[in-house]
């Protein structure tokens, strides 16, 4: 998936605070925005399940 080519939409999810904190830190470590990081992780997960 190429970021910026597809229309993006916002959605809200509720997660435990500790998990959100860990995700934010990991996205910083990876040098990605939070949105880009979550997109990559979720896309990778879905691809594994195909």
Protein backbone atom coordinates (compact mmCIF):
# COMPACT_ATOMS: atom_id res chain seq x y z
CA UNK A 1 0.00 0.00 0.00
CA UNK A 2 1.43 3.36 -0.99
CA UNK A 3 0.69 6.03 1.56
CA UNK A 4 -1.07 9.07 0.17
CA UNK A 5 -2.52 7.37 -2.93
CA UNK A 6 -5.64 6.02 -1.30
CA UNK A 7 -8.32 8.12 0.32
CA UNK A 8 -7.85 7.99 4.06
CA UNK A 9 -10.60 8.00 6.64
CA UNK A 10 -10.46 8.56 10.37
CA UNK A 11 -11.86 6.15 12.93
CA UNK A 12 -11.63 5.91 16.68
CA UNK A 13 -10.80 2.84 18.72
CA UNK A 14 -10.51 2.44 22.45
CA UNK A 15 -7.41 0.66 23.70
CA UNK A 16 -5.76 0.28 27.10
CA UNK A 17 -3.57 3.29 27.95
CA UNK A 18 -0.44 1.14 28.34
CA UNK A 19 -0.91 -0.30 24.85
CA UNK A 20 -1.40 3.16 23.34
CA UNK A 21 1.76 4.39 25.04
CA UNK A 22 3.74 1.42 23.73
CA UNK A 23 2.40 1.91 20.18
CA UNK A 24 3.29 5.61 20.26
CA UNK A 25 6.82 4.88 21.46
CA UNK A 26 7.30 2.15 18.86
CA UNK A 27 6.15 4.45 16.06
CA UNK A 28 8.72 7.03 17.17
CA UNK A 29 11.42 4.34 17.29
CA UNK A 30 10.48 3.31 13.74
CA UNK A 31 10.54 6.94 12.54
CA UNK A 32 6.91 6.83 11.45
CA UNK A 33 3.87 8.89 12.26
CA UNK A 34 1.41 7.12 14.51
CA UNK A 35 -1.03 6.74 11.60
CA UNK A 36 1.62 5.33 9.27
CA UNK A 37 2.80 2.90 11.93
CA UNK A 38 -0.69 1.61 12.73
CA UNK A 39 -1.45 1.32 9.00
CA UNK A 40 1.70 -0.74 8.44
CA UNK A 41 1.09 -3.01 11.43
CA UNK A 42 -2.53 -3.65 10.52
CA UNK A 43 -1.73 -4.19 6.81
CA UNK A 44 1.03 -6.64 7.71
CA UNK A 45 -1.31 -8.50 10.06
CA UNK A 46 -4.05 -8.79 7.46
CA UNK A 47 -1.58 -9.89 4.80
CA UNK A 48 -0.36 -12.70 7.09
CA UNK A 49 -3.94 -13.93 7.50
CA UNK A 50 -4.59 -14.21 3.73
